[in-house]
C-alpha atoms as a PDB file:
ATOM      1  CA  MET A   1      17.788  -2.050   5.746  1.00  0.00           C
ATOM      2  CA  GLN A   2      18.484   1.398   4.736  1.00  0.00           C
ATOM      3  CA  PHE A   3      15.496   3.357   3.306  1.00  0.00           C
ATOM      4  CA  LYS A   4      16.678   3.266  -0.265  1.00  0.00           C
ATOM      5  CA  GLU A   5      17.051  -0.638  -0.060  1.00  0.00           C
ATOM      6  CA  VAL A   6      13.605  -0.974   1.378  1.00  0.00           C
ATOM      7  CA  TYR A   7      12.004   1.211  -1.187  1.00  0.00           C
ATOM      8  CA  LEU A   8      13.673  -0.408  -4.207  1.00  0.00           C
ATOM      9  CA  SER A   9      12.971  -3.901  -3.011  1.00  0.00           C
ATOM     10  CA  ARG A  10       9.332  -3.647  -2.213  1.00  0.00           C
ATOM     11  CA  ARG A  11       7.350  -5.682  -4.445  1.00  0.00           C
ATOM     12  CA  SER A  12       3.700  -6.981  -4.698  1.00  0.00           C
ATOM     13  CA  ILE A  13       3.810 -10.220  -2.629  1.00  0.00           C
ATOM     14  CA  ARG A  14       1.112 -12.808  -3.586  1.00  0.00           C
ATOM     15  CA  ARG A  15       2.387 -16.074  -1.836  1.00  0.00           C
ATOM     16  CA  TYR A  16       2.841 -15.866   2.029  1.00  0.00           C
ATOM     17  CA  LYS A  17       4.053 -18.264   4.516  1.00  0.00           C
ATOM     18  CA  ASP A  18       1.428 -19.892   7.189  1.00  0.00           C
ATOM     19  CA  LYS A  19       2.819 -17.848  10.062  1.00  0.00           C
ATOM     20  CA  GLU A  20       0.892 -15.364  12.150  1.00  0.00           C
ATOM     21  CA  VAL A  21       1.854 -11.785  12.157  1.00  0.00           C
ATOM     22  CA  PRO A  22       1.932 -10.509  15.847  1.00  0.00           C
ATOM     23  CA  LEU A  23      -0.611  -7.878  16.628  1.00  0.00           C
ATOM     24  CA  GLU A  24       2.355  -5.705  18.137  1.00  0.00           C
ATOM     25  CA  THR A  25       3.954  -5.926  14.646  1.00  0.00           C
ATOM     26  CA  ILE A  26       0.739  -4.842  13.079  1.00  0.00           C
ATOM     27  CA  ALA A  27       0.289  -1.899  15.559  1.00  0.00           C
ATOM     28  CA  GLU A  28       3.608  -0.829  14.859  1.00  0.00           C
ATOM     29  CA  ILE A  29       3.610  -0.727  11.286  1.00  0.00           C
ATOM     30  CA  ILE A  30       0.238   1.218  11.314  1.00  0.00           C
ATOM     31  CA  ASP A  31       1.555   3.760  14.013  1.00  0.00           C
ATOM     32  CA  LEU A  32       4.466   4.504  11.528  1.00  0.00           C
ATOM     33  CA  ALA A  33       2.494   4.711   8.469  1.00  0.00           C
ATOM     34  CA  SER A  34      -0.171   7.201  10.101  1.00  0.00           C
ATOM     35  CA  TYR A  35       2.854   9.647   9.850  1.00  0.00           C
ATOM     36  CA  ALA A  36       1.958   9.889   6.152  1.00  0.00           C
ATOM     37  CA  PRO A  37       1.099  13.323   4.610  1.00  0.00           C
ATOM     38  CA  SER A  38      -2.604  14.281   4.246  1.00  0.00           C
ATOM     39  CA  SER A  39      -4.418  17.512   3.053  1.00  0.00           C
ATOM     40  CA  GLY A  40      -4.404  20.057   5.840  1.00  0.00           C
ATOM     41  CA  ASN A  41      -3.242  17.107   8.244  1.00  0.00           C
ATOM     42  CA  ILE A  42      -6.998  16.048   8.076  1.00  0.00           C
ATOM     43  CA  GLN A  43      -6.026  12.182   8.414  1.00  0.00           C
ATOM     44  CA  ASN A  44      -9.001  11.228   7.072  1.00  0.00           C
ATOM     45  CA  TRP A  45      -7.995   7.462   6.758  1.00  0.00           C
ATOM     46  CA  ARG A  46      -9.569   4.729   8.925  1.00  0.00           C
ATOM     47  CA  LEU A  47      -8.100   1.361   8.887  1.00  0.00           C
ATOM     48  CA  VAL A  48     -10.025  -2.056   9.380  1.00  0.00           C
ATOM     49  CA  VAL A  49      -7.455  -4.876  10.188  1.00  0.00           C
ATOM     50  CA  VAL A  50      -8.927  -8.393   9.481  1.00  0.00           C
ATOM     51  CA  THR A  51      -7.520 -11.681  10.513  1.00  0.00           C
ATOM     52  CA  SER A  52     -10.758 -13.636  10.730  1.00  0.00           C
ATOM     53  CA  THR A  53     -10.253 -16.279   7.874  1.00  0.00           C
ATOM     54  CA  GLU A  54     -14.266 -16.267   7.257  1.00  0.00           C
ATOM     55  CA  THR A  55     -13.954 -12.435   7.049  1.00  0.00           C
ATOM     56  CA  LYS A  56     -11.000 -12.537   4.711  1.00  0.00           C
ATOM     57  CA  HIS A  57     -12.625 -15.215   2.558  1.00  0.00           C
ATOM     58  CA  GLU A  58     -15.605 -12.801   2.148  1.00  0.00           C
ATOM     59  CA  LEU A  59     -13.417 -10.197   1.210  1.00  0.00           C
ATOM     60  CA  MET A  60     -11.152 -12.310  -1.347  1.00  0.00           C
ATOM     61  CA  GLU A  61     -14.703 -13.070  -2.977  1.00  0.00           C
ATOM     62  CA  SER A  62     -15.590  -9.385  -3.276  1.00  0.00           C
ATOM     63  CA  CYS A  63     -12.155  -8.823  -4.947  1.00  0.00           C
ATOM     64  CA  LEU A  64     -12.870 -10.593  -8.084  1.00  0.00           C
ATOM     65  CA  ASN A  65     -12.081 -13.908  -6.338  1.00  0.00           C
ATOM     66  CA  GLN A  66      -8.461 -13.552  -6.105  1.00  0.00           C
ATOM     67  CA  GLY A  67      -7.785 -16.827  -4.269  1.00  0.00           C
ATOM     68  CA  TRP A  68      -4.086 -15.972  -3.702  1.00  0.00           C
ATOM     69  CA  MET A  69      -5.319 -13.409  -1.007  1.00  0.00           C
ATOM     70  CA  MET A  70      -6.111 -16.153   1.436  1.00  0.00           C
ATOM     71  CA  GLU A  71      -2.592 -17.030   1.998  1.00  0.00           C
ATOM     72  CA  ALA A  72      -2.012 -13.548   3.750  1.00  0.00           C
ATOM     73  CA  PRO A  73      -2.548 -13.839   7.367  1.00  0.00           C
ATOM     74  CA  VAL A  74      -3.725 -10.182   7.430  1.00  0.00           C
ATOM     75  CA  PHE A  75      -5.787  -7.786   5.492  1.00  0.00           C
ATOM     76  CA  ILE A  76      -5.861  -3.891   6.229  1.00  0.00           C
ATOM     77  CA  VAL A  77      -8.628  -2.287   4.504  1.00  0.00           C
ATOM     78  CA  VAL A  78      -7.957   1.663   4.055  1.00  0.00           C
ATOM     79  CA  CYS A  79     -11.249   3.534   4.286  1.00  0.00           C
ATOM     80  CA  ASN A  80     -12.039   7.176   3.550  1.00  0.00           C
ATOM     81  CA  ASP A  81     -13.747   9.482   5.671  1.00  0.00           C
ATOM     82  CA  TYR A  82     -14.119  12.035   3.289  1.00  0.00           C
ATOM     83  CA  GLU A  83     -16.422  14.492   4.727  1.00  0.00           C
ATOM     84  CA  LYS A  84     -14.362  16.695   6.628  1.00  0.00           C
ATOM     85  CA  VAL A  85     -11.506  16.983   3.542  1.00  0.00           C
ATOM     86  CA  LYS A  86     -14.647  18.069   1.356  1.00  0.00           C
ATOM     87  CA  GLU A  87     -15.873  20.488   4.002  1.00  0.00           C
ATOM     88  CA  HIS A  88     -12.355  22.153   3.986  1.00  0.00           C
ATOM     89  CA  TYR A  89     -11.354  21.854   0.461  1.00  0.00           C
ATOM     90  CA  GLY A  90     -14.939  22.062  -1.353  1.00  0.00           C
ATOM     91  CA  LYS A  91     -15.301  20.035  -4.756  1.00  0.00           C
ATOM     92  CA  LEU A  92     -11.621  19.000  -4.913  1.00  0.00           C
ATOM     93  CA  GLY A  93     -11.966  17.432  -1.308  1.00  0.00           C
ATOM     94  CA  LYS A  94     -13.283  14.130  -2.615  1.00  0.00           C
ATOM     95  CA  LEU A  95     -10.017  13.554  -4.660  1.00  0.00           C
ATOM     96  CA  TYR A  96      -7.658  15.171  -1.851  1.00  0.00           C
ATOM     97  CA  SER A  97      -9.242  12.400   0.581  1.00  0.00           C
ATOM     98  CA  ILE A  98      -8.305   9.674  -1.970  1.00  0.00           C
ATOM     99  CA  GLN A  99      -4.722  10.861  -2.720  1.00  0.00           C
ATOM    100  CA  ASN A 100      -4.591  10.887   1.408  1.00  0.00           C
ATOM    101  CA  CYS A 101      -5.689   7.067   1.692  1.00  0.00           C
ATOM    102  CA  SER A 102      -3.077   6.493  -1.238  1.00  0.00           C
ATOM    103  CA  ASN A 103      -0.276   8.185   1.046  1.00  0.00           C
ATOM    104  CA  ILE A 104      -1.079   5.922   4.022  1.00  0.00           C
ATOM    105  CA  ALA A 105      -1.603   2.892   1.955  1.00  0.00           C
ATOM    106  CA  PHE A 106       1.729   3.017   0.477  1.00  0.00           C
ATOM    107  CA  GLY A 107       3.255   3.942   3.697  1.00  0.00           C
ATOM    108  CA  LEU A 108       1.879   0.614   5.041  1.00  0.00           C
ATOM    109  CA  THR A 109       3.455  -1.218   2.319  1.00  0.00           C
ATOM    110  CA  LEU A 110       6.979   0.401   2.892  1.00  0.00           C
ATOM    111  CA  VAL A 111       6.849   0.077   6.613  1.00  0.00           C
ATOM    112  CA  ALA A 112       5.831  -3.902   6.370  1.00  0.00           C
ATOM    113  CA  LYS A 113       8.863  -4.178   4.099  1.00  0.00           C
ATOM    114  CA  GLU A 114      11.086  -2.794   6.849  1.00  0.00           C
ATOM    115  CA  HIS A 115       9.588  -5.102   9.134  1.00  0.00           C
ATOM    116  CA  GLY A 116      10.447  -8.287   7.036  1.00  0.00           C
ATOM    117  CA  LEU A 117       6.715  -8.546   5.516  1.00  0.00           C
ATOM    118  CA  GLY A 118       5.455  -8.821   2.322  1.00  0.00           C
ATOM    119  CA  SER A 119       2.468  -6.881   1.135  1.00  0.00           C
ATOM    120  CA  CYS A 120       0.329  -6.299  -2.001  1.00  0.00           C
ATOM    121  CA  TRP A 121      -2.064  -3.386  -2.829  1.00  0.00           C
ATOM    122  CA  VAL A 122      -5.542  -4.707  -4.006  1.00  0.00           C
ATOM    123  CA  GLY A 123      -7.612  -1.851  -5.625  1.00  0.00           C
ATOM    124  CA  ALA A 124     -10.259  -4.195  -7.506  1.00  0.00           C
ATOM    125  CA  PHE A 125     -13.064  -5.135  -5.423  1.00  0.00           C
ATOM    126  CA  ASP A 126     -16.901  -4.769  -5.138  1.00  0.00           C
ATOM    127  CA  GLU A 127     -16.961  -1.568  -2.995  1.00  0.00           C
ATOM    128  CA  GLU A 128     -20.696  -2.287  -1.894  1.00  0.00           C
ATOM    129  CA  ALA A 129     -19.529  -5.784  -0.671  1.00  0.00           C
ATOM    130  CA  VAL A 130     -16.754  -4.790   1.172  1.00  0.00           C
ATOM    131  CA  ARG A 131     -18.693  -2.081   3.025  1.00  0.00           C
ATOM    132  CA  ARG A 132     -21.303  -4.726   4.014  1.00  0.00           C
ATOM    133  CA  ILE A 133     -18.892  -7.405   5.073  1.00  0.00           C
ATOM    134  CA  LEU A 134     -17.136  -4.994   7.224  1.00  0.00           C
ATOM    135  CA  LYS A 135     -20.050  -2.872   8.449  1.00  0.00           C
ATOM    136  CA  ILE A 136     -18.376   0.373   7.029  1.00  0.00           C
ATOM    137  CA  PRO A 137     -20.722   3.170   7.679  1.00  0.00           C
ATOM    138  CA  ASP A 138     -22.352   4.828   4.193  1.00  0.00           C
ATOM    139  CA  ASN A 139     -20.247   7.956   4.779  1.00  0.00           C
ATOM    140  CA  MET A 140     -16.962   6.073   4.373  1.00  0.00           C
ATOM    141  CA  ASP A 141     -15.686   4.656   1.072  1.00  0.00           C
ATOM    142  CA  PRO A 142     -13.191   1.591   1.202  1.00  0.00           C
ATOM    143  CA  GLU A 143     -10.442   2.692  -0.918  1.00  0.00           C
ATOM    144  CA  ILE A 144      -7.767  -0.015  -0.638  1.00  0.00           C
ATOM    145  CA  ILE A 145      -6.867  -3.462   0.759  1.00  0.00           C
ATOM    146  CA  ILE A 146      -3.728  -4.334   1.531  1.00  0.00           C
ATOM    147  CA  THR A 147      -2.571  -8.002   2.147  1.00  0.00           C
ATOM    148  CA  LEU A 148       0.188  -8.418   4.855  1.00  0.00           C
ATOM    149  CA  GLY A 149       2.536 -11.377   5.768  1.00  0.00           C
ATOM    150  CA  TYR A 150       5.688 -13.189   5.711  1.00  0.00           C
ATOM    151  CA  ALA A 151       6.496 -13.644   2.152  1.00  0.00           C
ATOM    152  CA  GLU A 152       6.852 -17.035   0.669  1.00  0.00           C
ATOM    153  CA  GLU A 153       8.497 -15.737  -2.766  1.00  0.00           C
ATOM    154  CA  ILE A 154      11.405 -13.581  -3.331  1.00  0.00           C
ATOM    155  CA  LYS A 155      10.983 -11.205  -6.235  1.00  0.00           C
ATOM    156  CA  SER A 156      13.668  -9.341  -7.882  1.00  0.00           C
ATOM    157  CA  PRO A 157      13.009  -5.513  -7.899  1.00  0.00           C
ATOM    158  CA  SER A 158      11.208  -4.607 -11.169  1.00  0.00           C
ATOM    159  CA  LEU A 159      12.857  -2.077 -13.479  1.00  0.00           C
ATOM    160  CA  ARG A 160      11.474   1.492 -13.983  1.00  0.00           C
ATOM    161  CA  ASP A 161      11.725   3.998 -16.769  1.00  0.00           C
ATOM    162  CA  ILE A 162      14.738   6.053 -16.579  1.00  0.00           C
ATOM    163  CA  PRO A 163      14.102   9.415 -14.870  1.00  0.00           C
ATOM    164  CA  ASN A 164      14.994  11.349 -18.144  1.00  0.00           C
ATOM    165  CA  TYR A 165      12.219   9.291 -19.923  1.00  0.00           C
ATOM    166  CA  ILE A 166       9.497  10.332 -17.523  1.00  0.00           C
ATOM    167  CA  THR A 167      10.755  13.894 -16.231  1.00  0.00           C
ATOM    168  CA  PHE A 168      10.790  17.178 -17.870  1.00  0.00           C
ATOM    169  CA  PHE A 169      12.404  20.215 -16.405  1.00  0.00           C
ATOM    170  CA  ASN A 170      10.715  23.533 -16.130  1.00  0.00           C
ATOM    171  CA  TYR A 171       8.420  22.987 -19.088  1.00  0.00           C
ATOM    172  CA  TRP A 172       6.978  19.947 -20.749  1.00  0.00           C
ATOM    173  CA  GLY A 173       9.551  18.408 -23.370  1.00  0.00           C
ATOM    174  CA  ASN A 174      12.589  19.809 -21.859  1.00  0.00           C
ATOM    175  CA  LYS A 175      14.824  16.967 -20.707  1.00  0.00           C
ATOM    176  CA  THR A 176      18.122  18.774 -19.990  1.00  0.00           C
ATOM    177  CA  PHE A 177      18.138  18.115 -16.134  1.00  0.00           C
ATOM    178  CA  PRO A 178      20.876  15.539 -15.446  1.00  0.00           C
ATOM    179  CA  PHE A 179      19.350  12.514 -13.534  1.00  0.00           C
ATOM    180  CA  LYS A 180      21.003   9.756 -11.790  1.00  0.00           C
ATOM    181  CA  SER A 181      19.547   6.476 -12.237  1.00  0.00           C
ATOM    182  CA  HIS A 182      19.283   3.463  -9.391  1.00  0.00           C
ATOM    183  CA  ILE A 183      19.761   0.822 -12.275  1.00  0.00           C
ATOM    184  CA  GLY A 184      23.207   0.022 -11.133  1.00  0.00           C
ATOM    185  CA  ARG A 185      21.804  -0.464  -7.505  1.00  0.00           C
ATOM    186  CA  LEU A 186      19.026  -2.549  -8.651  1.00  0.00           C
ATOM    187  CA  LYS A 187      21.217  -4.978 -10.497  1.00  0.00           C
ATOM    188  CA  GLN A 188      23.078  -5.333  -6.938  1.00  0.00           C
ATOM    189  CA  ILE A 189      19.771  -6.000  -5.133  1.00  0.00           C
ATOM    190  CA  ILE A 190      18.623  -8.401  -7.916  1.00  0.00           C
ATOM    191  CA  LYS A 191      21.757 -10.649  -7.248  1.00  0.00           C
ATOM    192  CA  ARG A 192      20.743 -10.610  -3.359  1.00  0.00           C
ATOM    193  CA  PRO A 193      16.853  -9.806  -3.040  1.00  0.00           C
ATOM    194  CA  PHE A 194      16.989  -9.789   0.695  1.00  0.00           C
ATOM    195  CA  LYS A 195      19.731  -8.592   2.927  1.00  0.00           C
ATOM    196  CA  LYS A 196      20.321 -10.644   5.973  1.00  0.00           C
END
């Protein structure tokens, strides 16, 4: 797929095939996603890959009992090693460290899509429970859980607000910049959600 098609067709997948994801594929996804930008190139993210059914079940329970998560063969838990970012950027470091983790998490979802996998970003969970289940040190914060697997559902791309509605040029309220929308491209993808 071309990048534009990967980007426009990525959706939050909550139904997965009962099919294992090769560890080599997971490793390649992580390797590519790790090129995400981070403040001062500190790369404060740490990832825990979970394939154990028992551990996934415990994590699912800590995520407000979202049972659909158990269909995913892989969870990737993005953790925040925030101390180095705080040392470098002071009080803003904590915010920057979370932004960095968001960057790699979104990268994981895009690279997964490019590899033919579905994913879903899960942000609602009991942080202390996740820390306990995965034995995450106290100086690290679990930030995001990404479910990963072969999609059992096909979702059409979701429509977005047009750029002129969400963007101002040079100052708040000025909408004189001529944006080109991808609505037409989305209509093409909706007719054929996955290019073979």
